Amino acid sequence: MTQTGTQKQEEWLSGPPGYPTGTRIRKVLPEGRGTSGILILGDAPDEQDVLQGVPFSPLSNSGSVLANVFRKSGINREVVTLSIGFIRLPGRLVRSNTAKDSWMI
């Protein structure tokens, strides 16, 4: 689903092999204008990133640390580009290094 205006774009992917038919995975899309020339790339989204649909959600562990860094350095979140390199699969609450638990976009 693509939305216009100030609403967030949302994209869903079909589940990988081995997951039940009809499994859908929410893709966390890049965020920010990137006018500062700074790119912050995470490896895989936190559960809160997926629920909120944004990379480094302020409600996630890494997102709250990053929000603190932004606040202390005076950088506005909107001027950087935030992105995630992998997606989070349903039911995977603990990150692991196996290909089955992370699926590259």
Foldseek 3Di string as FASTA:
>chain_A
DQDDDPDDGWDWDFDDPPDDGPDIFTAQAKAADQQVVAEDEAAEAAPVCRVVSHRLPCVDPSVVVVVVVCVVVVHDPRNRIYYYFWYAGPPCNDDDPDCVGTPGD
